[in-house]
Amino acid sequence: MGEFGEKSTTCGTVCLKYLLFTFNCCFWLAGLAVMAVGIWTLALKSDYISLLASGTYLATAYILVVAGIVVMVTGALGCCATFKERRNLLRLVSRACRTEGGGGAPCQAARGWFWVRRA
């Protein structure tokens, strides 16, 4: 039997570590893409905002930027937690991912309440 502080590195744990690291890197890149679309919309398409009657277009661009930043921070924390093997940080990232993923369901359910369709 090994001591309590001894780490066992099997092929499965190493493969899982690299798989989780790769997933977090892809998650970070997806956040970067969402943030880039939001910034592109604000920077290059701002001329059209003054033509629109509502501020939904502008709000959507800001929501994309903020969502991209949140996803990028979560992905970077996930990469650091995986690389440094910090369990508490991995738990925090796991909760953040569940919160981000679970946030879309109530928004989709309340879609009819927030947005009124015009004929």
PDB file of N, CA and C in Angstrom:
ATOM      1  N   MET A   1       0.839  -1.192   0.000  1.00  0.00           N
ATOM      2  CA  MET A   1       0.000   0.000   0.000  1.00  0.00           C
ATOM      3  C   MET A   1       0.873   1.240   0.000  1.00  0.00           C
ATOM      4  N   GLY A   2       0.438   2.243  -0.714  1.00  0.00           N
ATOM      5  CA  GLY A   2       1.177   3.486  -0.781  1.00  0.00           C
ATOM      6  C   GLY A   2       0.791   4.412   0.358  1.00  0.00           C
ATOM      7  N   GLU A   3       1.558   5.436   0.498  1.00  0.00           N
ATOM      8  CA  GLU A   3       1.253   6.425   1.518  1.00  0.00           C
ATOM      9  C   GLU A   3       0.073   7.283   1.087  1.00  0.00           C
ATOM     10  N   PHE A   4      -0.456   8.041   2.043  1.00  0.00           N
ATOM     11  CA  PHE A   4      -1.639   8.856   1.774  1.00  0.00           C
ATOM     12  C   PHE A   4      -1.350   9.954   0.770  1.00  0.00           C
ATOM     13  N   GLY A   5      -0.192  10.590   0.827  1.00  0.00           N
ATOM     14  CA  GLY A   5       0.138  11.712  -0.034  1.00  0.00           C
ATOM     15  C   GLY A   5       0.618  11.311  -1.420  1.00  0.00           C
ATOM     16  N   GLU A   6       0.763  10.025  -1.672  1.00  0.00           N
ATOM     17  CA  GLU A   6       1.282   9.557  -2.947  1.00  0.00           C
ATOM     18  C   GLU A   6       0.209   9.658  -4.037  1.00  0.00           C
ATOM     19  N   LYS A   7       0.586  10.186  -5.190  1.00  0.00           N
ATOM     20  CA  LYS A   7      -0.347  10.303  -6.309  1.00  0.00           C
ATOM     21  C   LYS A   7      -0.125   9.145  -7.264  1.00  0.00           C
ATOM     22  N   SER A   8      -1.236   8.578  -7.719  1.00  0.00           N
ATOM     23  CA  SER A   8      -1.114   7.514  -8.710  1.00  0.00           C
ATOM     24  C   SER A   8      -1.483   8.101 -10.063  1.00  0.00           C
ATOM     25  N   THR A   9      -0.569   7.990 -10.990  1.00  0.00           N
ATOM     26  CA  THR A   9      -0.824   8.502 -12.335  1.00  0.00           C
ATOM     27  C   THR A   9      -0.934   7.314 -13.278  1.00  0.00           C
ATOM     28  N   THR A  10      -2.157   6.956 -13.556  1.00  0.00           N
ATOM     29  CA  THR A  10      -2.400   5.888 -14.512  1.00  0.00           C
ATOM     30  C   THR A  10      -2.666   6.507 -15.880  1.00  0.00           C
ATOM     31  N   CYS A  11      -2.749   5.658 -16.858  1.00  0.00           N
ATOM     32  CA  CYS A  11      -2.988   6.126 -18.221  1.00  0.00           C
ATOM     33  C   CYS A  11      -4.355   6.812 -18.332  1.00  0.00           C
ATOM     34  N   GLY A  12      -5.339   6.302 -17.620  1.00  0.00           N
ATOM     35  CA  GLY A  12      -6.680   6.871 -17.662  1.00  0.00           C
ATOM     36  C   GLY A  12      -6.738   8.269 -17.066  1.00  0.00           C
ATOM     37  N   THR A  13      -6.051   8.481 -15.945  1.00  0.00           N
ATOM     38  CA  THR A  13      -6.080   9.805 -15.323  1.00  0.00           C
ATOM     39  C   THR A  13      -5.324  10.826 -16.163  1.00  0.00           C
ATOM     40  N   VAL A  14      -4.233  10.421 -16.765  1.00  0.00           N
ATOM     41  CA  VAL A  14      -3.477  11.341 -17.617  1.00  0.00           C
ATOM     42  C   VAL A  14      -4.298  11.692 -18.857  1.00  0.00           C
ATOM     43  N   CYS A  15      -4.951  10.702 -19.452  1.00  0.00           N
ATOM     44  CA  CYS A  15      -5.781  10.939 -20.631  1.00  0.00           C
ATOM     45  C   CYS A  15      -6.955  11.851 -20.279  1.00  0.00           C
ATOM     46  N   LEU A  16      -7.569  11.619 -19.119  1.00  0.00           N
ATOM     47  CA  LEU A  16      -8.682  12.456 -18.674  1.00  0.00           C
ATOM     48  C   LEU A  16      -8.234  13.882 -18.406  1.00  0.00           C
ATOM     49  N   LYS A  17      -7.038  14.040 -17.855  1.00  0.00           N
ATOM     50  CA  LYS A  17      -6.517  15.380 -17.599  1.00  0.00           C
ATOM     51  C   LYS A  17      -6.329  16.152 -18.901  1.00  0.00           C
ATOM     52  N   TYR A  18      -5.731  15.528 -19.894  1.00  0.00           N
ATOM     53  CA  TYR A  18      -5.520  16.206 -21.174  1.00  0.00           C
ATOM     54  C   TYR A  18      -6.829  16.442 -21.921  1.00  0.00           C
ATOM     55  N   LEU A  19      -7.772  15.522 -21.778  1.00  0.00           N
ATOM     56  CA  LEU A  19      -9.074  15.708 -22.401  1.00  0.00           C
ATOM     57  C   LEU A  19      -9.810  16.897 -21.782  1.00  0.00           C
ATOM     58  N   LEU A  20      -9.764  17.017 -20.474  1.00  0.00           N
ATOM     59  CA  LEU A  20     -10.388  18.140 -19.784  1.00  0.00           C
ATOM     60  C   LEU A  20      -9.692  19.455 -20.125  1.00  0.00           C
ATOM     61  N   PHE A  21      -8.377  19.427 -20.230  1.00  0.00           N
ATOM     62  CA  PHE A  21      -7.628  20.613 -20.619  1.00  0.00           C
ATOM     63  C   PHE A  21      -8.002  21.047 -22.033  1.00  0.00           C
ATOM     64  N   THR A  22      -8.132  20.094 -22.953  1.00  0.00           N
ATOM     65  CA  THR A  22      -8.517  20.400 -24.331  1.00  0.00           C
ATOM     66  C   THR A  22      -9.929  20.977 -24.392  1.00  0.00           C
ATOM     67  N   PHE A  23     -10.851  20.402 -23.611  1.00  0.00           N
ATOM     68  CA  PHE A  23     -12.212  20.922 -23.572  1.00  0.00           C
ATOM     69  C   PHE A  23     -12.230  22.359 -23.061  1.00  0.00           C
ATOM     70  N   ASN A  24     -11.475  22.650 -22.022  1.00  0.00           N
ATOM     71  CA  ASN A  24     -11.441  24.008 -21.476  1.00  0.00           C
ATOM     72  C   ASN A  24     -10.808  24.992 -22.458  1.00  0.00           C
ATOM     73  N   CYS A  25      -9.818  24.550 -23.209  1.00  0.00           N
ATOM     74  CA  CYS A  25      -9.234  25.421 -24.235  1.00  0.00           C
ATOM     75  C   CYS A  25     -10.252  25.722 -25.333  1.00  0.00           C
ATOM     76  N   CYS A  26     -11.007  24.707 -25.749  1.00  0.00           N
ATOM     77  CA  CYS A  26     -12.063  24.929 -26.751  1.00  0.00           C
ATOM     78  C   CYS A  26     -13.147  25.846 -26.190  1.00  0.00           C
ATOM     79  N   PHE A  27     -13.463  25.692 -24.914  1.00  0.00           N
ATOM     80  CA  PHE A  27     -14.442  26.551 -24.256  1.00  0.00           C
ATOM     81  C   PHE A  27     -13.950  27.992 -24.247  1.00  0.00           C
ATOM     82  N   TRP A  28     -12.664  28.188 -23.979  1.00  0.00           N
ATOM     83  CA  TRP A  28     -12.074  29.528 -23.980  1.00  0.00           C
ATOM     84  C   TRP A  28     -12.114  30.132 -25.382  1.00  0.00           C
ATOM     85  N   LEU A  29     -11.806  29.324 -26.389  1.00  0.00           N
ATOM     86  CA  LEU A  29     -11.846  29.811 -27.776  1.00  0.00           C
ATOM     87  C   LEU A  29     -13.272  30.167 -28.207  1.00  0.00           C
ATOM     88  N   ALA A  30     -14.254  29.405 -27.747  1.00  0.00           N
ATOM     89  CA  ALA A  30     -15.645  29.727 -28.056  1.00  0.00           C
ATOM     90  C   ALA A  30     -16.043  31.053 -27.419  1.00  0.00           C
ATOM     91  N   GLY A  31     -15.592  31.293 -26.193  1.00  0.00           N
ATOM     92  CA  GLY A  31     -15.853  32.571 -25.546  1.00  0.00           C
ATOM     93  C   GLY A  31     -15.190  33.721 -26.287  1.00  0.00           C
ATOM     94  N   LEU A  32     -13.997  33.486 -26.783  1.00  0.00           N
ATOM     95  CA  LEU A  32     -13.295  34.500 -27.570  1.00  0.00           C
ATOM     96  C   LEU A  32     -14.066  34.817 -28.850  1.00  0.00           C
ATOM     97  N   ALA A  33     -14.597  33.788 -29.489  1.00  0.00           N
ATOM     98  CA  ALA A  33     -15.367  33.999 -30.723  1.00  0.00           C
ATOM     99  C   ALA A  33     -16.648  34.787 -30.446  1.00  0.00           C
ATOM    100  N   VAL A  34     -17.343  34.467 -29.364  1.00  0.00           N
ATOM    101  CA  VAL A  34     -18.577  35.183 -29.021  1.00  0.00           C
ATOM    102  C   VAL A  34     -18.268  36.639 -28.696  1.00  0.00           C
ATOM    103  N   MET A  35     -17.208  36.857 -27.943  1.00  0.00           N
ATOM    104  CA  MET A  35     -16.821  38.227 -27.601  1.00  0.00           C
ATOM    105  C   MET A  35     -16.396  38.993 -28.861  1.00  0.00           C
ATOM    106  N   ALA A  36     -15.702  38.335 -29.770  1.00  0.00           N
ATOM    107  CA  ALA A  36     -15.271  38.993 -31.008  1.00  0.00           C
ATOM    108  C   ALA A  36     -16.466  39.396 -31.868  1.00  0.00           C
ATOM    109  N   VAL A  37     -17.484  38.555 -31.921  1.00  0.00           N
ATOM    110  CA  VAL A  37     -18.688  38.903 -32.682  1.00  0.00           C
ATOM    111  C   VAL A  37     -19.374  40.105 -32.051  1.00  0.00           C
ATOM    112  N   GLY A  38     -19.432  40.145 -30.723  1.00  0.00           N
ATOM    113  CA  GLY A  38     -20.038  41.293 -30.051  1.00  0.00           C
ATOM    114  C   GLY A  38     -19.269  42.581 -30.286  1.00  0.00           C
ATOM    115  N   ILE A  39     -17.957  42.513 -30.222  1.00  0.00           N
ATOM    116  CA  ILE A  39     -17.136  43.703 -30.458  1.00  0.00           C
ATOM    117  C   ILE A  39     -17.226  44.126 -31.926  1.00  0.00           C
ATOM    118  N   TRP A  40     -17.228  43.160 -32.841  1.00  0.00           N
ATOM    119  CA  TRP A  40     -17.377  43.474 -34.258  1.00  0.00           C
ATOM    120  C   TRP A  40     -18.712  44.164 -34.519  1.00  0.00           C
ATOM    121  N   THR A  41     -19.750  43.672 -33.872  1.00  0.00           N
ATOM    122  CA  THR A  41     -21.069  44.283 -34.042  1.00  0.00           C
ATOM    123  C   THR A  41     -21.077  45.707 -33.513  1.00  0.00           C
ATOM    124  N   LEU A  42     -20.467  45.926 -32.362  1.00  0.00           N
ATOM    125  CA  LEU A  42     -20.436  47.277 -31.795  1.00  0.00           C
ATOM    126  C   LEU A  42     -19.565  48.215 -32.623  1.00  0.00           C
ATOM    127  N   ALA A  43     -18.455  47.716 -33.121  1.00  0.00           N
ATOM    128  CA  ALA A  43     -17.506  48.584 -33.813  1.00  0.00           C
ATOM    129  C   ALA A  43     -17.922  48.895 -35.253  1.00  0.00           C
ATOM    130  N   LEU A  44     -18.283  47.882 -36.002  1.00  0.00           N
ATOM    131  CA  LEU A  44     -18.514  48.082 -37.428  1.00  0.00           C
ATOM    132  C   LEU A  44     -19.981  48.268 -37.809  1.00  0.00           C
ATOM    133  N   LYS A  45     -20.858  47.798 -36.998  1.00  0.00           N
ATOM    134  CA  LYS A  45     -22.278  47.889 -37.339  1.00  0.00           C
ATOM    135  C   LYS A  45     -23.011  48.931 -36.486  1.00  0.00           C
ATOM    136  N   SER A  46     -22.275  49.819 -35.854  1.00  0.00           N
ATOM    137  CA  SER A  46     -22.906  50.816 -34.986  1.00  0.00           C
ATOM    138  C   SER A  46     -23.679  51.872 -35.776  1.00  0.00           C
ATOM    139  N   ASP A  47     -23.410  52.010 -37.059  1.00  0.00           N
ATOM    140  CA  ASP A  47     -24.150  52.975 -37.877  1.00  0.00           C
ATOM    141  C   ASP A  47     -25.628  52.601 -37.998  1.00  0.00           C
ATOM    142  N   TYR A  48     -25.902  51.310 -37.954  1.00  0.00           N
ATOM    143  CA  TYR A  48     -27.281  50.850 -38.110  1.00  0.00           C
ATOM    144  C   TYR A  48     -28.092  50.992 -36.823  1.00  0.00           C
ATOM    145  N   ILE A  49     -27.432  51.156 -35.703  1.00  0.00           N
ATOM    146  CA  ILE A  49     -28.136  51.253 -34.425  1.00  0.00           C
ATOM    147  C   ILE A  49     -29.024  52.487 -34.388  1.00  0.00           C
ATOM    148  N   SER A  50     -28.552  53.590 -34.949  1.00  0.00           N
ATOM    149  CA  SER A  50     -29.350  54.815 -34.944  1.00  0.00           C
ATOM    150  C   SER A  50     -30.584  54.701 -35.844  1.00  0.00           C
ATOM    151  N   LEU A  51     -30.578  53.799 -36.795  1.00  0.00           N
ATOM    152  CA  LEU A  51     -31.726  53.617 -37.691  1.00  0.00           C
ATOM    153  C   LEU A  51     -32.835  52.771 -37.064  1.00  0.00           C
ATOM    154  N   LEU A  52     -32.483  51.986 -36.077  1.00  0.00           N
ATOM    155  CA  LEU A  52     -33.468  51.095 -35.480  1.00  0.00           C
ATOM    156  C   LEU A  52     -34.278  51.825 -34.417  1.00  0.00           C
ATOM    157  N   ALA A  53     -35.539  51.424 -34.284  1.00  0.00           N
ATOM    158  CA  ALA A  53     -36.424  52.076 -33.325  1.00  0.00           C
ATOM    159  C   ALA A  53     -36.177  51.596 -31.898  1.00  0.00           C
ATOM    160  N   SER A  54     -35.762  50.357 -31.739  1.00  0.00           N
ATOM    161  CA  SER A  54     -35.551  49.831 -30.390  1.00  0.00           C
ATOM    162  C   SER A  54     -34.059  49.659 -30.116  1.00  0.00           C
ATOM    163  N   GLY A  55     -33.741  49.497 -28.863  1.00  0.00           N
ATOM    164  CA  GLY A  55     -32.350  49.316 -28.461  1.00  0.00           C
ATOM    165  C   GLY A  55     -31.955  47.865 -28.312  1.00  0.00           C
ATOM    166  N   THR A  56     -32.741  46.959 -28.895  1.00  0.00           N
ATOM    167  CA  THR A  56     -32.438  45.535 -28.747  1.00  0.00           C
ATOM    168  C   THR A  56     -31.139  45.147 -29.432  1.00  0.00           C
ATOM    169  N   TYR A  57     -30.863  45.760 -30.547  1.00  0.00           N
ATOM    170  CA  TYR A  57     -29.639  45.441 -31.298  1.00  0.00           C
ATOM    171  C   TYR A  57     -28.406  45.794 -30.469  1.00  0.00           C
ATOM    172  N   LEU A  58     -28.428  46.955 -29.867  1.00  0.00           N
ATOM    173  CA  LEU A  58     -27.306  47.397 -29.042  1.00  0.00           C
ATOM    174  C   LEU A  58     -27.169  46.528 -27.796  1.00  0.00           C
ATOM    175  N   ALA A  59     -28.299  46.220 -27.174  1.00  0.00           N
ATOM    176  CA  ALA A  59     -28.270  45.368 -25.980  1.00  0.00           C
ATOM    177  C   ALA A  59     -27.751  43.976 -26.303  1.00  0.00           C
ATOM    178  N   THR A  60     -28.131  43.461 -27.459  1.00  0.00           N
ATOM    179  CA  THR A  60     -27.664  42.135 -27.866  1.00  0.00           C
ATOM    180  C   THR A  60     -26.157  42.120 -28.065  1.00  0.00           C
ATOM    181  N   ALA A  61     -25.622  43.172 -28.632  1.00  0.00           N
ATOM    182  CA  ALA A  61     -24.169  43.240 -28.828  1.00  0.00           C
ATOM    183  C   ALA A  61     -23.443  43.284 -27.484  1.00  0.00           C
ATOM    184  N   TYR A  62     -23.960  44.052 -26.539  1.00  0.00           N
ATOM    185  CA  TYR A  62     -23.336  44.101 -25.216  1.00  0.00           C
ATOM    186  C   TYR A  62     -23.477  42.771 -24.484  1.00  0.00           C
ATOM    187  N   ILE A  63     -24.601  42.100 -24.653  1.00  0.00           N
ATOM    188  CA  ILE A  63     -24.782  40.783 -24.032  1.00  0.00           C
ATOM    189  C   ILE A  63     -23.776  39.788 -24.598  1.00  0.00           C
ATOM    190  N   LEU A  64     -23.520  39.849 -25.895  1.00  0.00           N
ATOM    191  CA  LEU A  64     -22.519  38.965 -26.502  1.00  0.00           C
ATOM    192  C   LEU A  64     -21.131  39.222 -25.934  1.00  0.00           C
ATOM    193  N   VAL A  65     -20.771  40.485 -25.747  1.00  0.00           N
ATOM    194  CA  VAL A  65     -19.453  40.809 -25.203  1.00  0.00           C
ATOM    195  C   VAL A  65     -19.332  40.293 -23.771  1.00  0.00           C
ATOM    196  N   VAL A  66     -20.337  40.539 -22.947  1.00  0.00           N
ATOM    197  CA  VAL A  66     -20.285  40.107 -21.544  1.00  0.00           C
ATOM    198  C   VAL A  66     -20.288  38.579 -21.448  1.00  0.00           C
ATOM    199  N   ALA A  67     -21.125  37.915 -22.249  1.00  0.00           N
ATOM    200  CA  ALA A  67     -21.161  36.455 -22.228  1.00  0.00           C
ATOM    201  C   ALA A  67     -19.829  35.867 -22.684  1.00  0.00           C
ATOM    202  N   GLY A  68     -19.227  36.475 -23.688  1.00  0.00           N
ATOM    203  CA  GLY A  68     -17.913  36.004 -24.137  1.00  0.00           C
ATOM    204  C   GLY A  68     -16.852  36.144 -23.059  1.00  0.00           C
ATOM    205  N   ILE A  69     -16.886  37.259 -22.325  1.00  0.00           N
ATOM    206  CA  ILE A  69     -15.913  37.463 -21.245  1.00  0.00           C
ATOM    207  C   ILE A  69     -16.117  36.430 -20.144  1.00  0.00           C
ATOM    208  N   VAL A  70     -17.377  36.171 -19.773  1.00  0.00           N
ATOM    209  CA  VAL A  70     -17.655  35.187 -18.724  1.00  0.00           C
ATOM    210  C   VAL A  70     -17.192  33.797 -19.148  1.00  0.00           C
ATOM    211  N   VAL A  71     -17.451  33.420 -20.381  1.00  0.00           N
ATOM    212  CA  VAL A  71     -17.036  32.104 -20.870  1.00  0.00           C
ATOM    213  C   VAL A  71     -15.513  32.019 -20.957  1.00  0.00           C
ATOM    214  N   MET A  72     -14.864  33.102 -21.371  1.00  0.00           N
ATOM    215  CA  MET A  72     -13.397  33.091 -21.439  1.00  0.00           C
ATOM    216  C   MET A  72     -12.777  32.950 -20.050  1.00  0.00           C
ATOM    217  N   VAL A  73     -13.326  33.639 -19.069  1.00  0.00           N
ATOM    218  CA  VAL A  73     -12.804  33.526 -17.699  1.00  0.00           C
ATOM    219  C   VAL A  73     -13.012  32.115 -17.173  1.00  0.00           C
ATOM    220  N   THR A  74     -14.194  31.552 -17.437  1.00  0.00           N
ATOM    221  CA  THR A  74     -14.465  30.180 -16.991  1.00  0.00           C
ATOM    222  C   THR A  74     -13.520  29.183 -17.661  1.00  0.00           C
ATOM    223  N   GLY A  75     -13.288  29.351 -18.950  1.00  0.00           N
ATOM    224  CA  GLY A  75     -12.371  28.459 -19.653  1.00  0.00           C
ATOM    225  C   GLY A  75     -10.942  28.584 -19.169  1.00  0.00           C
ATOM    226  N   ALA A  76     -10.499  29.819 -18.905  1.00  0.00           N
ATOM    227  CA  ALA A  76      -9.131  30.018 -18.409  1.00  0.00           C
ATOM    228  C   ALA A  76      -8.971  29.425 -17.014  1.00  0.00           C
ATOM    229  N   LEU A  77      -9.974  29.615 -16.155  1.00  0.00           N
ATOM    230  CA  LEU A  77      -9.917  29.009 -14.820  1.00  0.00           C
ATOM    231  C   LEU A  77      -9.915  27.486 -14.908  1.00  0.00           C
ATOM    232  N   GLY A  78     -10.681  26.947 -15.857  1.00  0.00           N
ATOM    233  CA  GLY A  78     -10.696  25.500 -16.051  1.00  0.00           C
ATOM    234  C   GLY A  78      -9.355  24.968 -16.516  1.00  0.00           C
ATOM    235  N   CYS A  79      -8.697  25.697 -17.413  1.00  0.00           N
ATOM    236  CA  CYS A  79      -7.363  25.290 -17.870  1.00  0.00           C
ATOM    237  C   CYS A  79      -6.362  25.315 -16.721  1.00  0.00           C
ATOM    238  N   CYS A  80      -6.402  26.378 -15.935  1.00  0.00           N
ATOM    239  CA  CYS A  80      -5.486  26.479 -14.788  1.00  0.00           C
ATOM    240  C   CYS A  80      -5.770  25.400 -13.749  1.00  0.00           C
ATOM    241  N   ALA A  81      -7.053  25.143 -13.489  1.00  0.00           N
ATOM    242  CA  ALA A  81      -7.415  24.126 -12.500  1.00  0.00           C
ATOM    243  C   ALA A  81      -6.989  22.738 -12.960  1.00  0.00           C
ATOM    244  N   THR A  82      -7.113  22.463 -14.239  1.00  0.00           N
ATOM    245  CA  THR A  82      -6.712  21.165 -14.760  1.00  0.00           C
ATOM    246  C   THR A  82      -5.197  21.013 -14.744  1.00  0.00           C
ATOM    247  N   PHE A  83      -4.501  22.054 -15.156  1.00  0.00           N
ATOM    248  CA  PHE A  83      -3.042  21.984 -15.216  1.00  0.00           C
ATOM    249  C   PHE A  83      -2.432  21.875 -13.823  1.00  0.00           C
ATOM    250  N   LYS A  84      -2.965  22.649 -12.865  1.00  0.00           N
ATOM    251  CA  LYS A  84      -2.430  22.637 -11.497  1.00  0.00           C
ATOM    252  C   LYS A  84      -3.044  21.544 -10.625  1.00  0.00           C
ATOM    253  N   GLU A  85      -4.074  20.860 -11.140  1.00  0.00           N
ATOM    254  CA  GLU A  85      -4.789  19.793 -10.431  1.00  0.00           C
ATOM    255  C   GLU A  85      -5.370  20.289  -9.105  1.00  0.00           C
ATOM    256  N   ARG A  86      -6.085  21.383  -9.153  1.00  0.00           N
ATOM    257  CA  ARG A  86      -6.751  21.954  -7.977  1.00  0.00           C
ATOM    258  C   ARG A  86      -8.207  21.514  -7.969  1.00  0.00           C
ATOM    259  N   ARG A  87      -8.584  20.684  -7.012  1.00  0.00           N
ATOM    260  CA  ARG A  87      -9.939  20.144  -6.968  1.00  0.00           C
ATOM    261  C   ARG A  87     -10.981  21.210  -6.670  1.00  0.00           C
ATOM    262  N   ASN A  88     -10.690  22.099  -5.738  1.00  0.00           N
ATOM    263  CA  ASN A  88     -11.674  23.128  -5.386  1.00  0.00           C
ATOM    264  C   ASN A  88     -11.953  24.061  -6.567  1.00  0.00           C
ATOM    265  N   LEU A  89     -10.915  24.410  -7.297  1.00  0.00           N
ATOM    266  CA  LEU A  89     -11.095  25.265  -8.466  1.00  0.00           C
ATOM    267  C   LEU A  89     -11.851  24.528  -9.570  1.00  0.00           C
ATOM    268  N   LEU A  90     -11.605  23.228  -9.704  1.00  0.00           N
ATOM    269  CA  LEU A  90     -12.356  22.430 -10.679  1.00  0.00           C
ATOM    270  C   LEU A  90     -13.832  22.364 -10.305  1.00  0.00           C
ATOM    271  N   ARG A  91     -14.121  22.270  -9.013  1.00  0.00           N
ATOM    272  CA  ARG A  91     -15.525  22.283  -8.574  1.00  0.00           C
ATOM    273  C   ARG A  91     -16.178  23.618  -8.892  1.00  0.00           C
ATOM    274  N   LEU A  92     -15.453  24.705  -8.679  1.00  0.00           N
ATOM    275  CA  LEU A  92     -15.977  26.038  -8.990  1.00  0.00           C
ATOM    276  C   LEU A  92     -16.258  26.177 -10.481  1.00  0.00           C
ATOM    277  N   VAL A  93     -15.339  25.709 -11.299  1.00  0.00           N
ATOM    278  CA  VAL A  93     -15.527  25.770 -12.759  1.00  0.00           C
ATOM    279  C   VAL A  93     -16.707  24.901 -13.172  1.00  0.00           C
ATOM    280  N   SER A  94     -16.854  23.750 -12.549  1.00  0.00           N
ATOM    281  CA  SER A  94     -17.981  22.871 -12.854  1.00  0.00           C
ATOM    282  C   SER A  94     -19.308  23.543 -12.526  1.00  0.00           C
ATOM    283  N   ARG A  95     -19.372  24.206 -11.391  1.00  0.00           N
ATOM    284  CA  ARG A  95     -20.601  24.926 -11.020  1.00  0.00           C
ATOM    285  C   ARG A  95     -20.852  26.089 -11.977  1.00  0.00           C
ATOM    286  N   ALA A  96     -19.804  26.778 -12.381  1.00  0.00           N
ATOM    287  CA  ALA A  96     -19.966  27.895 -13.320  1.00  0.00           C
ATOM    288  C   ALA A  96     -20.469  27.402 -14.672  1.00  0.00           C
ATOM    289  N   CYS A  97     -19.954  26.272 -15.136  1.00  0.00           N
ATOM    290  CA  CYS A  97     -20.414  25.714 -16.411  1.00  0.00           C
ATOM    291  C   CYS A  97     -21.880  25.291 -16.330  1.00  0.00           C
ATOM    292  N   ARG A  98     -22.265  24.695 -15.204  1.00  0.00           N
ATOM    293  CA  ARG A  98     -23.675  24.317 -15.040  1.00  0.00           C
ATOM    294  C   ARG A  98     -24.570  25.543 -14.981  1.00  0.00           C
ATOM    295  N   THR A  99     -24.093  26.608 -14.356  1.00  0.00           N
ATOM    296  CA  THR A  99     -24.879  27.833 -14.273  1.00  0.00           C
ATOM    297  C   THR A  99     -25.011  28.473 -15.646  1.00  0.00           C
ATOM    298  N   GLU A 100     -23.925  28.512 -16.394  1.00  0.00           N
ATOM    299  CA  GLU A 100     -23.969  29.091 -17.744  1.00  0.00           C
ATOM    300  C   GLU A 100     -24.876  28.278 -18.651  1.00  0.00           C
ATOM    301  N   GLY A 101     -24.773  26.975 -18.580  1.00  0.00           N
ATOM    302  CA  GLY A 101     -25.616  26.123 -19.410  1.00  0.00           C
ATOM    303  C   GLY A 101     -27.064  26.133 -18.970  1.00  0.00           C
ATOM    304  N   GLY A 102     -27.300  26.221 -17.680  1.00  0.00           N
ATOM    305  CA  GLY A 102     -28.660  26.236 -17.160  1.00  0.00           C
ATOM    306  C   GLY A 102     -29.349  27.565 -17.313  1.00  0.00           C
ATOM    307  N   GLY A 103     -28.607  28.608 -17.621  1.00  0.00           N
ATOM    308  CA  GLY A 103     -29.211  29.926 -17.787  1.00  0.00           C
ATOM    309  C   GLY A 103     -30.012  30.063 -19.062  1.00  0.00           C
ATOM    310  N   GLY A 104     -29.752  29.227 -20.038  1.00  0.00           N
ATOM    311  CA  GLY A 104     -30.460  29.324 -21.304  1.00  0.00           C
ATOM    312  C   GLY A 104     -31.874  28.776 -21.256  1.00  0.00           C
ATOM    313  N   ALA A 105     -32.122  27.789 -20.400  1.00  0.00           N
ATOM    314  CA  ALA A 105     -33.447  27.172 -20.337  1.00  0.00           C
ATOM    315  C   ALA A 105     -34.523  28.144 -19.832  1.00  0.00           C
ATOM    316  N   PRO A 106     -34.305  28.875 -18.743  1.00  0.00           N
ATOM    317  CA  PRO A 106     -35.345  29.832 -18.328  1.00  0.00           C
ATOM    318  C   PRO A 106     -35.553  30.958 -19.335  1.00  0.00           C
ATOM    319  N   CYS A 107     -34.489  31.374 -19.990  1.00  0.00           N
ATOM    320  CA  CYS A 107     -34.628  32.431 -21.004  1.00  0.00           C
ATOM    321  C   CYS A 107     -35.460  31.938 -22.174  1.00  0.00           C
ATOM    322  N   GLN A 108     -35.245  30.705 -22.582  1.00  0.00           N
ATOM    323  CA  GLN A 108     -36.026  30.148 -23.685  1.00  0.00           C
ATOM    324  C   GLN A 108     -37.481  29.964 -23.268  1.00  0.00           C
ATOM    325  N   ALA A 109     -37.725  29.574 -22.011  1.00  0.00           N
ATOM    326  CA  ALA A 109     -39.095  29.377 -21.541  1.00  0.00           C
ATOM    327  C   ALA A 109     -39.846  30.701 -21.447  1.00  0.00           C
ATOM    328  N   ALA A 110     -39.134  31.770 -21.073  1.00  0.00           N
ATOM    329  CA  ALA A 110     -39.769  33.073 -20.902  1.00  0.00           C
ATOM    330  C   ALA A 110     -39.708  33.919 -22.166  1.00  0.00           C
ATOM    331  N   ARG A 111     -39.339  33.335 -23.269  1.00  0.00           N
ATOM    332  CA  ARG A 111     -39.177  34.073 -24.516  1.00  0.00           C
ATOM    333  C   ARG A 111     -40.458  34.781 -24.942  1.00  0.00           C
ATOM    334  N   GLY A 112     -41.574  34.110 -24.818  1.00  0.00           N
ATOM    335  CA  GLY A 112     -42.835  34.717 -25.195  1.00  0.00           C
ATOM    336  C   GLY A 112     -43.215  35.881 -24.290  1.00  0.00           C
ATOM    337  N   TRP A 113     -42.748  35.860 -23.061  1.00  0.00           N
ATOM    338  CA  TRP A 113     -43.073  36.926 -22.124  1.00  0.00           C
ATOM    339  C   TRP A 113     -42.231  38.167 -22.378  1.00  0.00           C
ATOM    340  N   PHE A 114     -40.954  37.982 -22.731  1.00  0.00           N
ATOM    341  CA  PHE A 114     -40.056  39.105 -22.949  1.00  0.00           C
ATOM    342  C   PHE A 114     -40.254  39.767 -24.305  1.00  0.00           C
ATOM    343  N   TRP A 115     -40.343  38.950 -25.338  1.00  0.00           N
ATOM    344  CA  TRP A 115     -40.422  39.484 -26.689  1.00  0.00           C
ATOM    345  C   TRP A 115     -41.817  39.334 -27.248  1.00  0.00           C
ATOM    346  N   VAL A 116     -42.389  40.421 -27.660  1.00  0.00           N
ATOM    347  CA  VAL A 116     -43.721  40.409 -28.240  1.00  0.00           C
ATOM    348  C   VAL A 116     -43.578  40.421 -29.758  1.00  0.00           C
ATOM    349  N   ARG A 117     -44.226  39.502 -30.398  1.00  0.00           N
ATOM    350  CA  ARG A 117     -44.151  39.415 -31.855  1.00  0.00           C
ATOM    351  C   ARG A 117     -45.075  40.456 -32.463  1.00  0.00           C
ATOM    352  N   ARG A 118     -44.564  41.119 -33.453  1.00  0.00           N
ATOM    353  CA  ARG A 118     -45.365  42.132 -34.151  1.00  0.00           C
ATOM    354  C   ARG A 118     -45.772  41.574 -35.513  1.00  0.00           C
ATOM    355  N   ALA A 119     -47.000  41.851 -35.879  1.00  0.00           N
ATOM    356  CA  ALA A 119     -47.502  41.340 -37.150  1.00  0.00           C
ATOM    357  C   ALA A 119     -47.085  42.200 -38.309  1.00  0.00           C
TER     358      ALA A 119
END
